PDB file of N, CA and C in Angstrom:
ATOM      1  N   THR A   1       2.229  -5.482  -8.023  1.00  0.00           N
ATOM      2  CA  THR A   1       2.175  -4.058  -7.745  1.00  0.00           C
ATOM      3  C   THR A   1       2.260  -3.263  -9.034  1.00  0.00           C
ATOM      4  N   GLN A   2       1.704  -2.115  -8.989  1.00  0.00           N
ATOM      5  CA  GLN A   2       1.712  -1.237 -10.151  1.00  0.00           C
ATOM      6  C   GLN A   2       2.806  -0.199  -9.963  1.00  0.00           C
ATOM      7  N   LEU A   3       3.570   0.043 -11.023  1.00  0.00           N
ATOM      8  CA  LEU A   3       4.642   1.030 -10.945  1.00  0.00           C
ATOM      9  C   LEU A   3       4.151   2.377 -11.428  1.00  0.00           C
ATOM     10  N   TRP A   4       4.530   3.414 -10.732  1.00  0.00           N
ATOM     11  CA  TRP A   4       4.187   4.789 -11.089  1.00  0.00           C
ATOM     12  C   TRP A   4       5.492   5.535 -11.285  1.00  0.00           C
ATOM     13  N   THR A   5       5.627   6.238 -12.359  1.00  0.00           N
ATOM     14  CA  THR A   5       6.846   7.011 -12.592  1.00  0.00           C
ATOM     15  C   THR A   5       6.544   8.488 -12.515  1.00  0.00           C
ATOM     16  N   LEU A   6       7.505   9.212 -12.001  1.00  0.00           N
ATOM     17  CA  LEU A   6       7.371  10.662 -11.937  1.00  0.00           C
ATOM     18  C   LEU A   6       7.642  11.259 -13.301  1.00  0.00           C
ATOM     19  N   ARG A   7       6.918  12.294 -13.645  1.00  0.00           N
ATOM     20  CA  ARG A   7       7.188  12.994 -14.898  1.00  0.00           C
ATOM     21  C   ARG A   7       8.548  13.667 -14.822  1.00  0.00           C
ATOM     22  N   ASN A   8       9.261  13.675 -15.959  1.00  0.00           N
ATOM     23  CA  ASN A   8      10.561  14.332 -16.055  1.00  0.00           C
ATOM     24  C   ASN A   8      11.542  13.834 -15.005  1.00  0.00           C
ATOM     25  N   SER A   9      11.464  12.583 -14.672  1.00  0.00           N
ATOM     26  CA  SER A   9      12.346  12.033 -13.656  1.00  0.00           C
ATOM     27  C   SER A   9      12.687  10.596 -14.017  1.00  0.00           C
ATOM     28  N   THR A  10      13.838  10.148 -13.564  1.00  0.00           N
ATOM     29  CA  THR A  10      14.211   8.758 -13.780  1.00  0.00           C
ATOM     30  C   THR A  10      13.811   7.900 -12.589  1.00  0.00           C
ATOM     31  N   SER A  11      13.259   8.512 -11.549  1.00  0.00           N
ATOM     32  CA  SER A  11      12.841   7.774 -10.357  1.00  0.00           C
ATOM     33  C   SER A  11      11.602   6.941 -10.654  1.00  0.00           C
ATOM     34  N   THR A  12      11.529   5.796 -10.039  1.00  0.00           N
ATOM     35  CA  THR A  12      10.346   4.953 -10.136  1.00  0.00           C
ATOM     36  C   THR A  12       9.821   4.731  -8.729  1.00  0.00           C
ATOM     37  N   ILE A  13       8.546   4.937  -8.573  1.00  0.00           N
ATOM     38  CA  ILE A  13       7.908   4.766  -7.275  1.00  0.00           C
ATOM     39  C   ILE A  13       6.989   3.561  -7.353  1.00  0.00           C
ATOM     40  N   LYS A  14       7.088   2.679  -6.389  1.00  0.00           N
ATOM     41  CA  LYS A  14       6.195   1.533  -6.302  1.00  0.00           C
ATOM     42  C   LYS A  14       5.119   1.887  -5.286  1.00  0.00           C
ATOM     43  N   LEU A  15       3.887   1.900  -5.729  1.00  0.00           N
ATOM     44  CA  LEU A  15       2.765   2.270  -4.873  1.00  0.00           C
ATOM     45  C   LEU A  15       2.003   1.008  -4.499  1.00  0.00           C
ATOM     46  N   VAL A  16       1.963   0.714  -3.204  1.00  0.00           N
ATOM     47  CA  VAL A  16       1.311  -0.495  -2.713  1.00  0.00           C
ATOM     48  C   VAL A  16       0.438  -0.107  -1.522  1.00  0.00           C
ATOM     49  N   PHE A  17      -0.731  -0.715  -1.441  1.00  0.00           N
ATOM     50  CA  PHE A  17      -1.657  -0.450  -0.347  1.00  0.00           C
ATOM     51  C   PHE A  17      -1.696  -1.662   0.578  1.00  0.00           C
ATOM     52  N   PHE A  18      -1.529  -1.431   1.869  1.00  0.00           N
ATOM     53  CA  PHE A  18      -1.521  -2.493   2.878  1.00  0.00           C
ATOM     54  C   PHE A  18      -2.731  -2.313   3.781  1.00  0.00           C
ATOM     55  N   LEU A  19      -3.511  -3.362   3.939  1.00  0.00           N
ATOM     56  CA  LEU A  19      -4.699  -3.251   4.764  1.00  0.00           C
ATOM     57  C   LEU A  19      -5.116  -4.598   5.306  1.00  0.00           C
ATOM     58  N   GLY A  20      -5.933  -4.541   6.337  1.00  0.00           N
ATOM     59  CA  GLY A  20      -6.547  -5.750   6.858  1.00  0.00           C
ATOM     60  C   GLY A  20      -7.786  -6.085   6.046  1.00  0.00           C
ATOM     61  N   TRP A  21      -8.316  -7.269   6.287  1.00  0.00           N
ATOM     62  CA  TRP A  21      -9.495  -7.701   5.546  1.00  0.00           C
ATOM     63  C   TRP A  21     -10.684  -6.844   5.961  1.00  0.00           C
ATOM     64  N   PRO A  22     -11.482  -6.366   4.985  1.00  0.00           N
ATOM     65  CA  PRO A  22     -12.609  -5.486   5.323  1.00  0.00           C
ATOM     66  C   PRO A  22     -13.646  -6.211   6.177  1.00  0.00           C
ATOM     67  N   ILE A  23     -14.155  -5.507   7.176  1.00  0.00           N
ATOM     68  CA  ILE A  23     -15.182  -6.112   8.033  1.00  0.00           C
ATOM     69  C   ILE A  23     -16.587  -5.831   7.504  1.00  0.00           C
ATOM     70  N   GLU A  24     -16.692  -4.903   6.564  1.00  0.00           N
ATOM     71  CA  GLU A  24     -17.990  -4.604   5.946  1.00  0.00           C
ATOM     72  C   GLU A  24     -18.165  -5.495   4.717  1.00  0.00           C
ATOM     73  N   PRO A  25     -19.197  -6.334   4.696  1.00  0.00           N
ATOM     74  CA  PRO A  25     -19.403  -7.248   3.567  1.00  0.00           C
ATOM     75  C   PRO A  25     -19.453  -6.549   2.209  1.00  0.00           C
ATOM     76  N   ALA A  26     -19.970  -5.336   2.168  1.00  0.00           N
ATOM     77  CA  ALA A  26     -20.070  -4.618   0.892  1.00  0.00           C
ATOM     78  C   ALA A  26     -18.697  -4.321   0.301  1.00  0.00           C
ATOM     79  N   LEU A  27     -17.684  -4.219   1.139  1.00  0.00           N
ATOM     80  CA  LEU A  27     -16.338  -3.909   0.647  1.00  0.00           C
ATOM     81  C   LEU A  27     -15.575  -5.135   0.160  1.00  0.00           C
ATOM     82  N   VAL A  28     -15.989  -6.317   0.573  1.00  0.00           N
ATOM     83  CA  VAL A  28     -15.254  -7.538   0.220  1.00  0.00           C
ATOM     84  C   VAL A  28     -15.180  -7.715  -1.291  1.00  0.00           C
ATOM     85  N   GLU A  29     -16.300  -7.579  -1.999  1.00  0.00           N
ATOM     86  CA  GLU A  29     -16.291  -7.743  -3.456  1.00  0.00           C
ATOM     87  C   GLU A  29     -15.475  -6.643  -4.121  1.00  0.00           C
ATOM     88  N   HIS A  30     -15.583  -5.426  -3.631  1.00  0.00           N
ATOM     89  CA  HIS A  30     -14.801  -4.314  -4.187  1.00  0.00           C
ATOM     90  C   HIS A  30     -13.301  -4.578  -4.031  1.00  0.00           C
ATOM     91  N   ILE A  31     -12.891  -5.019  -2.860  1.00  0.00           N
ATOM     92  CA  ILE A  31     -11.475  -5.321  -2.610  1.00  0.00           C
ATOM     93  C   ILE A  31     -11.026  -6.493  -3.480  1.00  0.00           C
ATOM     94  N   SER A  32     -11.860  -7.513  -3.595  1.00  0.00           N
ATOM     95  CA  SER A  32     -11.518  -8.674  -4.429  1.00  0.00           C
ATOM     96  C   SER A  32     -11.317  -8.265  -5.881  1.00  0.00           C
ATOM     97  N   GLU A  33     -12.171  -7.395  -6.391  1.00  0.00           N
ATOM     98  CA  GLU A  33     -12.033  -6.908  -7.768  1.00  0.00           C
ATOM     99  C   GLU A  33     -10.760  -6.081  -7.924  1.00  0.00           C
ATOM    100  N   GLU A  34     -10.459  -5.259  -6.949  1.00  0.00           N
ATOM    101  CA  GLU A  34      -9.227  -4.454  -6.978  1.00  0.00           C
ATOM    102  C   GLU A  34      -7.990  -5.353  -7.040  1.00  0.00           C
ATOM    103  N   ILE A  35      -8.000  -6.426  -6.273  1.00  0.00           N
ATOM    104  CA  ILE A  35      -6.872  -7.369  -6.280  1.00  0.00           C
ATOM    105  C   ILE A  35      -6.729  -7.994  -7.664  1.00  0.00           C
ATOM    106  N   ARG A  36      -7.843  -8.390  -8.267  1.00  0.00           N
ATOM    107  CA  ARG A  36      -7.793  -9.034  -9.587  1.00  0.00           C
ATOM    108  C   ARG A  36      -7.327  -8.085 -10.685  1.00  0.00           C
ATOM    109  N   THR A  37      -7.685  -6.816 -10.595  1.00  0.00           N
ATOM    110  CA  THR A  37      -7.405  -5.906 -11.708  1.00  0.00           C
ATOM    111  C   THR A  37      -6.119  -5.099 -11.566  1.00  0.00           C
ATOM    112  N   THR A  38      -5.747  -4.720 -10.362  1.00  0.00           N
ATOM    113  CA  THR A  38      -4.587  -3.830 -10.231  1.00  0.00           C
ATOM    114  C   THR A  38      -3.383  -4.467  -9.560  1.00  0.00           C
ATOM    115  N   ASP A  39      -3.594  -5.479  -8.757  1.00  0.00           N
ATOM    116  CA  ASP A  39      -2.494  -6.170  -8.080  1.00  0.00           C
ATOM    117  C   ASP A  39      -1.618  -5.200  -7.285  1.00  0.00           C
ATOM    118  N   ASP A  40      -2.254  -4.237  -6.605  1.00  0.00           N
ATOM    119  CA  ASP A  40      -1.475  -3.287  -5.806  1.00  0.00           C
ATOM    120  C   ASP A  40      -1.876  -3.311  -4.330  1.00  0.00           C
ATOM    121  N   LEU A  41      -2.566  -4.375  -3.922  1.00  0.00           N
ATOM    122  CA  LEU A  41      -2.993  -4.501  -2.531  1.00  0.00           C
ATOM    123  C   LEU A  41      -2.306  -5.677  -1.866  1.00  0.00           C
ATOM    124  N   VAL A  42      -1.937  -5.484  -0.611  1.00  0.00           N
ATOM    125  CA  VAL A  42      -1.464  -6.577   0.232  1.00  0.00           C
ATOM    126  C   VAL A  42      -2.444  -6.631   1.401  1.00  0.00           C
ATOM    127  N   ILE A  43      -3.129  -7.763   1.536  1.00  0.00           N
ATOM    128  CA  ILE A  43      -4.163  -7.911   2.552  1.00  0.00           C
ATOM    129  C   ILE A  43      -3.636  -8.799   3.668  1.00  0.00           C
ATOM    130  N   GLY A  44      -3.708  -8.286   4.894  1.00  0.00           N
ATOM    131  CA  GLY A  44      -3.264  -9.059   6.051  1.00  0.00           C
ATOM    132  C   GLY A  44      -4.363  -9.962   6.576  1.00  0.00           C
ATOM    133  N   ASN A  45      -3.977 -10.934   7.371  1.00  0.00           N
ATOM    134  CA  ASN A  45      -4.922 -11.878   7.955  1.00  0.00           C
ATOM    135  C   ASN A  45      -5.433 -11.326   9.291  1.00  0.00           C
ATOM    136  N   PHE A  46      -6.042 -10.160   9.235  1.00  0.00           N
ATOM    137  CA  PHE A  46      -6.609  -9.503  10.406  1.00  0.00           C
ATOM    138  C   PHE A  46      -7.700  -8.552   9.925  1.00  0.00           C
ATOM    139  N   ASP A  47      -8.576  -8.171  10.837  1.00  0.00           N
ATOM    140  CA  ASP A  47      -9.654  -7.241  10.490  1.00  0.00           C
ATOM    141  C   ASP A  47      -9.085  -5.862  10.198  1.00  0.00           C
ATOM    142  N   GLY A  48      -9.588  -5.230   9.150  1.00  0.00           N
ATOM    143  CA  GLY A  48      -9.125  -3.900   8.775  1.00  0.00           C
ATOM    144  C   GLY A  48      -9.811  -2.821   9.586  1.00  0.00           C
ATOM    145  N   THR A  49      -9.428  -2.710  10.841  1.00  0.00           N
ATOM    146  CA  THR A  49     -10.001  -1.708  11.735  1.00  0.00           C
ATOM    147  C   THR A  49      -8.904  -0.748  12.180  1.00  0.00           C
ATOM    148  N   PRO A  50      -9.286   0.449  12.604  1.00  0.00           N
ATOM    149  CA  PRO A  50      -8.269   1.392  13.101  1.00  0.00           C
ATOM    150  C   PRO A  50      -7.447   0.814  14.253  1.00  0.00           C
ATOM    151  N   GLU A  51      -8.057  -0.039  15.052  1.00  0.00           N
ATOM    152  CA  GLU A  51      -7.339  -0.647  16.178  1.00  0.00           C
ATOM    153  C   GLU A  51      -6.209  -1.566  15.714  1.00  0.00           C
ATOM    154  N   ASN A  52      -6.293  -2.047  14.481  1.00  0.00           N
ATOM    155  CA  ASN A  52      -5.273  -2.952  13.941  1.00  0.00           C
ATOM    156  C   ASN A  52      -4.277  -2.249  13.025  1.00  0.00           C
ATOM    157  N   SER A  53      -4.204  -0.939  13.095  1.00  0.00           N
ATOM    158  CA  SER A  53      -3.283  -0.217  12.201  1.00  0.00           C
ATOM    159  C   SER A  53      -1.823  -0.591  12.458  1.00  0.00           C
ATOM    160  N   THR A  54      -1.484  -0.960  13.693  1.00  0.00           N
ATOM    161  CA  THR A  54      -0.114  -1.400  13.983  1.00  0.00           C
ATOM    162  C   THR A  54       0.209  -2.679  13.221  1.00  0.00           C
ATOM    163  N   LEU A  55      -0.756  -3.591  13.129  1.00  0.00           N
ATOM    164  CA  LEU A  55      -0.537  -4.828  12.366  1.00  0.00           C
ATOM    165  C   LEU A  55      -0.298  -4.520  10.893  1.00  0.00           C
ATOM    166  N   SER A  56      -1.026  -3.560  10.372  1.00  0.00           N
ATOM    167  CA  SER A  56      -0.839  -3.152   8.980  1.00  0.00           C
ATOM    168  C   SER A  56       0.563  -2.586   8.762  1.00  0.00           C
ATOM    169  N   THR A  57       1.031  -1.782   9.708  1.00  0.00           N
ATOM    170  CA  THR A  57       2.377  -1.207   9.603  1.00  0.00           C
ATOM    171  C   THR A  57       3.440  -2.295   9.668  1.00  0.00           C
ATOM    172  N   LEU A  58       3.309  -3.234  10.583  1.00  0.00           N
ATOM    173  CA  LEU A  58       4.276  -4.334  10.683  1.00  0.00           C
ATOM    174  C   LEU A  58       4.285  -5.178   9.414  1.00  0.00           C
ATOM    175  N   MET A  59       3.101  -5.447   8.868  1.00  0.00           N
ATOM    176  CA  MET A  59       3.008  -6.206   7.623  1.00  0.00           C
ATOM    177  C   MET A  59       3.710  -5.458   6.493  1.00  0.00           C
ATOM    178  N   MET A  60       3.522  -4.143   6.437  1.00  0.00           N
ATOM    179  CA  MET A  60       4.157  -3.322   5.413  1.00  0.00           C
ATOM    180  C   MET A  60       5.677  -3.402   5.525  1.00  0.00           C
ATOM    181  N   LEU A  61       6.202  -3.269   6.729  1.00  0.00           N
ATOM    182  CA  LEU A  61       7.655  -3.317   6.922  1.00  0.00           C
ATOM    183  C   LEU A  61       8.228  -4.675   6.522  1.00  0.00           C
ATOM    184  N   GLN A  62       7.549  -5.756   6.880  1.00  0.00           N
ATOM    185  CA  GLN A  62       7.997  -7.095   6.487  1.00  0.00           C
ATOM    186  C   GLN A  62       7.993  -7.246   4.970  1.00  0.00           C
ATOM    187  N   TRP A  63       6.963  -6.742   4.312  1.00  0.00           N
ATOM    188  CA  TRP A  63       6.860  -6.841   2.858  1.00  0.00           C
ATOM    189  C   TRP A  63       7.975  -6.056   2.180  1.00  0.00           C
ATOM    190  N   VAL A  64       8.240  -4.854   2.679  1.00  0.00           N
ATOM    191  CA  VAL A  64       9.293  -4.019   2.085  1.00  0.00           C
ATOM    192  C   VAL A  64      10.650  -4.694   2.227  1.00  0.00           C
ATOM    193  N   VAL A  65      10.951  -5.250   3.383  1.00  0.00           N
ATOM    194  CA  VAL A  65      12.225  -5.950   3.579  1.00  0.00           C
ATOM    195  C   VAL A  65      12.337  -7.121   2.608  1.00  0.00           C
ATOM    196  N   ARG A  66      11.252  -7.844   2.412  1.00  0.00           N
ATOM    197  CA  ARG A  66      11.288  -9.031   1.547  1.00  0.00           C
ATOM    198  C   ARG A  66      11.329  -8.699   0.055  1.00  0.00           C
ATOM    199  N   PHE A  67      10.550  -7.708  -0.384  1.00  0.00           N
ATOM    200  CA  PHE A  67      10.394  -7.465  -1.813  1.00  0.00           C
ATOM    201  C   PHE A  67      11.041  -6.186  -2.331  1.00  0.00           C
ATOM    202  N   CYS A  68      11.393  -5.275  -1.454  1.00  0.00           N
ATOM    203  CA  CYS A  68      11.983  -3.992  -1.883  1.00  0.00           C
ATOM    204  C   CYS A  68      13.197  -3.663  -1.020  1.00  0.00           C
ATOM    205  N   GLY A  69      14.073  -4.621  -0.857  1.00  0.00           N
ATOM    206  CA  GLY A  69      15.216  -4.456   0.030  1.00  0.00           C
ATOM    207  C   GLY A  69      16.142  -3.315  -0.329  1.00  0.00           C
ATOM    208  N   LYS A  70      16.115  -2.876  -1.573  1.00  0.00           N
ATOM    209  CA  LYS A  70      17.003  -1.790  -1.993  1.00  0.00           C
ATOM    210  C   LYS A  70      16.320  -0.424  -1.971  1.00  0.00           C
ATOM    211  N   ALA A  71      15.114  -0.369  -1.441  1.00  0.00           N
ATOM    212  CA  ALA A  71      14.395   0.911  -1.379  1.00  0.00           C
ATOM    213  C   ALA A  71      15.173   1.899  -0.518  1.00  0.00           C
ATOM    214  N   LYS A  72      15.259   3.132  -0.987  1.00  0.00           N
ATOM    215  CA  LYS A  72      15.981   4.163  -0.245  1.00  0.00           C
ATOM    216  C   LYS A  72      15.115   4.777   0.846  1.00  0.00           C
ATOM    217  N   PHE A  73      13.823   4.832   0.635  1.00  0.00           N
ATOM    218  CA  PHE A  73      12.928   5.348   1.665  1.00  0.00           C
ATOM    219  C   PHE A  73      11.542   4.763   1.487  1.00  0.00           C
ATOM    220  N   LEU A  74      10.742   4.945   2.507  1.00  0.00           N
ATOM    221  CA  LEU A  74       9.401   4.389   2.565  1.00  0.00           C
ATOM    222  C   LEU A  74       8.495   5.466   3.146  1.00  0.00           C
ATOM    223  N   ILE A  75       7.340   5.635   2.562  1.00  0.00           N
ATOM    224  CA  ILE A  75       6.374   6.603   3.071  1.00  0.00           C
ATOM    225  C   ILE A  75       5.106   5.852   3.442  1.00  0.00           C
ATOM    226  N   LYS A  76       4.644   6.073   4.653  1.00  0.00           N
ATOM    227  CA  LYS A  76       3.381   5.483   5.092  1.00  0.00           C
ATOM    228  C   LYS A  76       2.418   6.632   5.372  1.00  0.00           C
ATOM    229  N   ILE A  77       1.288   6.599   4.697  1.00  0.00           N
ATOM    230  CA  ILE A  77       0.272   7.620   4.957  1.00  0.00           C
ATOM    231  C   ILE A  77      -1.066   6.939   5.198  1.00  0.00           C
ATOM    232  N   GLY A  78      -1.903   7.582   5.964  1.00  0.00           N
ATOM    233  CA  GLY A  78      -3.227   7.051   6.263  1.00  0.00           C
ATOM    234  C   GLY A  78      -4.245   7.480   5.225  1.00  0.00           C
ATOM    235  N   ASP A  79      -5.487   7.157   5.501  1.00  0.00           N
ATOM    236  CA  ASP A  79      -6.577   7.454   4.567  1.00  0.00           C
ATOM    237  C   ASP A  79      -6.681   8.929   4.213  1.00  0.00           C
ATOM    238  N   SER A  80      -6.437   9.800   5.160  1.00  0.00           N
ATOM    239  CA  SER A  80      -6.613  11.229   4.905  1.00  0.00           C
ATOM    240  C   SER A  80      -5.317  11.925   4.500  1.00  0.00           C
ATOM    241  N   GLY A  81      -4.216  11.188   4.438  1.00  0.00           N
ATOM    242  CA  GLY A  81      -2.931  11.787   4.080  1.00  0.00           C
ATOM    243  C   GLY A  81      -2.783  12.010   2.588  1.00  0.00           C
ATOM    244  N   ARG A  82      -1.927  12.935   2.224  1.00  0.00           N
ATOM    245  CA  ARG A  82      -1.632  13.226   0.818  1.00  0.00           C
ATOM    246  C   ARG A  82      -0.129  13.385   0.654  1.00  0.00           C
ATOM    247  N   VAL A  83       0.387  12.989  -0.506  1.00  0.00           N
ATOM    248  CA  VAL A  83       1.804  13.145  -0.828  1.00  0.00           C
ATOM    249  C   VAL A  83       1.904  13.796  -2.195  1.00  0.00           C
ATOM    250  N   SER A  84       2.709  14.820  -2.302  1.00  0.00           N
ATOM    251  CA  SER A  84       2.966  15.440  -3.599  1.00  0.00           C
ATOM    252  C   SER A  84       4.145  14.718  -4.235  1.00  0.00           C
ATOM    253  N   LEU A  85       3.874  13.965  -5.306  1.00  0.00           N
ATOM    254  CA  LEU A  85       4.945  13.219  -5.965  1.00  0.00           C
ATOM    255  C   LEU A  85       6.001  14.152  -6.546  1.00  0.00           C
ATOM    256  N   LYS A  86       5.607  15.368  -6.903  1.00  0.00           N
ATOM    257  CA  LYS A  86       6.575  16.334  -7.431  1.00  0.00           C
ATOM    258  C   LYS A  86       7.645  16.658  -6.402  1.00  0.00           C
ATOM    259  N   LEU A  87       7.272  16.673  -5.137  1.00  0.00           N
ATOM    260  CA  LEU A  87       8.224  17.015  -4.081  1.00  0.00           C
ATOM    261  C   LEU A  87       9.160  15.865  -3.725  1.00  0.00           C
ATOM    262  N   LEU A  88       8.913  14.676  -4.259  1.00  0.00           N
ATOM    263  CA  LEU A  88       9.762  13.523  -3.959  1.00  0.00           C
ATOM    264  C   LEU A  88      10.973  13.416  -4.871  1.00  0.00           C
ATOM    265  N   ARG A  89      11.095  14.286  -5.825  1.00  0.00           N
ATOM    266  CA  ARG A  89      12.221  14.221  -6.758  1.00  0.00           C
ATOM    267  C   ARG A  89      13.530  14.400  -6.060  1.00  0.00           C
TER     268      ARG A  89
END
């Protein structure tokens, strides 16, 4: 995972993307390259469709418990969501 730090803050935010495997062949190579270069994706063993968003959420919660047990909070946003990192201070 890639670490992102807030400006003028001692907080560190870990940004990770959780998704199912892309069903569009054109996205497979793009996702594979993203995994190789940024290491910020966790891919589940299920199709990445809106119908499987619950599986993505469950996978995210399991990952957080295993790798970020001391996290104080967790934010889950969808494709169209936005978060202002300045407001997280």
